[in-house]
């Protein structure tokens, strides 16, 4: 039984570390603020969640595993929302996309620098 738990923990640790590595590479290599934020919020959330689950499984205690699952759920619910709000605030503040970006969906709602108004 200990071998099975050790293999599960090793898999979760490796997968979490790989997702965290992908997030770190994305933050360094991607061209603009919005792409970097996307890499950090998606891959970083999955990586930290898998690492947290590895700790919960390694403890072999149901209450600690339940807390790890609750933490993973909290990560999964809050990180994408906060990244979206930060990206929207950055767009309102005037950070522009890089030229390789295909389109700016929020630009049609921005009449002035700080006001978002719908056409109508």
Protein backbone atom coordinates (compact mmCIF):
# COMPACT_ATOMS: atom_id res chain seq x y z
CA UNK A 1 0.00 0.00 0.00
CA UNK A 2 2.87 2.39 0.76
CA UNK A 3 4.28 1.82 -2.72
CA UNK A 4 0.98 2.81 -4.33
CA UNK A 5 0.78 5.99 -2.23
CA UNK A 6 4.40 6.82 -3.04
CA UNK A 7 3.76 6.38 -6.77
CA UNK A 8 0.65 8.57 -6.66
CA UNK A 9 2.53 11.26 -4.72
CA UNK A 10 5.47 11.08 -7.13
CA UNK A 11 3.14 11.44 -10.13
CA UNK A 12 1.31 14.40 -8.57
CA UNK A 13 4.61 16.08 -7.65
CA UNK A 14 6.06 15.64 -11.13
CA UNK A 15 2.89 16.81 -12.87
CA UNK A 16 2.59 19.81 -10.54
CA UNK A 17 6.24 20.72 -11.03
CA UNK A 18 5.88 20.48 -14.83
CA UNK A 19 2.83 22.74 -14.82
CA UNK A 20 4.66 25.21 -12.58
CA UNK A 21 7.63 25.09 -14.96
CA UNK A 22 5.37 25.77 -17.94
CA UNK A 23 3.86 28.73 -16.07
CA UNK A 24 7.31 30.11 -15.26
CA UNK A 25 8.48 29.73 -18.86
CA UNK A 26 5.28 31.41 -20.04
CA UNK A 27 5.84 34.36 -17.75
CA UNK A 28 9.37 34.82 -19.06
CA UNK A 29 8.82 34.12 -22.77
CA UNK A 30 5.37 35.44 -23.66
CA UNK A 31 5.26 38.90 -25.28
CA UNK A 32 2.71 40.94 -23.36
CA UNK A 33 1.10 41.37 -19.97
CA UNK A 34 -2.10 39.59 -20.93
CA UNK A 35 -0.41 36.47 -22.26
CA UNK A 36 1.85 36.29 -19.22
CA UNK A 37 -1.12 36.64 -16.91
CA UNK A 38 -2.90 33.84 -18.76
CA UNK A 39 0.07 31.51 -18.34
CA UNK A 40 0.40 32.32 -14.67
CA UNK A 41 -3.28 31.92 -13.90
CA UNK A 42 -3.94 28.69 -15.81
CA UNK A 43 -0.78 26.62 -15.58
CA UNK A 44 0.21 28.08 -12.22
CA UNK A 45 -3.15 27.21 -10.72
CA UNK A 46 -3.05 23.62 -11.93
CA UNK A 47 0.58 23.21 -10.85
CA UNK A 48 0.07 24.54 -7.35
CA UNK A 49 -3.15 22.56 -7.00
CA UNK A 50 -1.44 19.31 -7.95
CA UNK A 51 1.40 20.01 -5.52
CA UNK A 52 -1.15 20.68 -2.79
CA UNK A 53 -2.92 17.41 -3.58
CA UNK A 54 0.41 15.57 -3.42
CA UNK A 55 0.93 16.90 0.10
CA UNK A 56 -2.60 15.82 1.06
CA UNK A 57 -2.13 12.29 -0.29
CA UNK A 58 1.33 11.99 1.27
CA UNK A 59 -0.04 12.83 4.72
CA UNK A 60 -2.37 9.79 4.59
CA UNK A 61 -4.76 11.68 6.84
CA UNK A 62 -8.32 12.26 5.66
CA UNK A 63 -8.68 15.67 7.30
CA UNK A 64 -5.47 16.97 5.68
CA UNK A 65 -6.53 15.54 2.32
CA UNK A 66 -9.90 17.28 2.68
CA UNK A 67 -8.13 20.58 3.38
CA UNK A 68 -5.89 20.04 0.36
CA UNK A 69 -8.93 19.40 -1.83
CA UNK A 70 -10.59 22.52 -0.44
CA UNK A 71 -7.43 24.52 -1.18
CA UNK A 72 -7.32 23.17 -4.73
CA UNK A 73 -10.96 24.12 -5.21
CA UNK A 74 -10.22 27.59 -3.85
CA UNK A 75 -7.28 27.96 -6.27
CA UNK A 76 -9.38 26.78 -9.20
CA UNK A 77 -12.20 29.21 -8.42
CA UNK A 78 -10.26 32.35 -7.52
CA UNK A 79 -7.17 32.46 -9.74
CA UNK A 80 -8.93 32.77 -13.13
CA UNK A 81 -11.34 35.37 -11.79
CA UNK A 82 -8.60 37.48 -10.26
CA UNK A 83 -6.50 37.22 -13.45
CA UNK A 84 -9.49 38.38 -15.50
CA UNK A 85 -10.06 41.37 -13.23
CA UNK A 86 -6.37 42.30 -13.26
CA UNK A 87 -6.26 42.06 -17.06
CA UNK A 88 -9.33 44.24 -17.38
CA UNK A 89 -7.81 46.81 -15.01
CA UNK A 90 -4.57 46.77 -17.02
CA UNK A 91 -6.53 47.31 -20.22
CA UNK A 92 -8.38 50.24 -18.67
CA UNK A 93 -5.06 51.70 -17.52
CA UNK A 94 -3.81 51.70 -21.10
CA UNK A 95 -1.63 48.60 -21.48
CA UNK A 96 -1.89 47.59 -25.12
CA UNK A 97 -1.60 44.19 -26.72
CA UNK A 98 1.44 43.33 -28.81
CA UNK A 99 1.08 43.36 -32.61
CA UNK A 100 1.01 39.53 -32.94
CA UNK A 101 -2.21 39.46 -30.91
CA UNK A 102 -5.11 38.86 -33.25
CA UNK A 103 -7.79 41.15 -31.81
CA UNK A 104 -8.68 43.33 -28.88
CA UNK A 105 -12.25 42.58 -27.85
CA UNK A 106 -12.37 45.31 -25.20
CA UNK A 107 -11.21 48.09 -27.54
CA UNK A 108 -14.66 48.50 -29.08
CA UNK A 109 -16.09 49.29 -25.63
CA UNK A 110 -13.44 51.84 -24.74
CA UNK A 111 -14.45 55.24 -26.08
CA UNK A 112 -12.19 57.30 -23.84
CA UNK A 113 -9.13 56.24 -21.97
CA UNK A 114 -10.94 55.39 -18.76
CA UNK A 115 -14.58 55.02 -19.71
CA UNK A 116 -16.26 51.86 -20.95
CA UNK A 117 -19.45 52.69 -22.78
CA UNK A 118 -21.58 50.49 -24.95
CA UNK A 119 -22.59 51.69 -28.36
CA UNK A 120 -26.21 52.56 -28.59
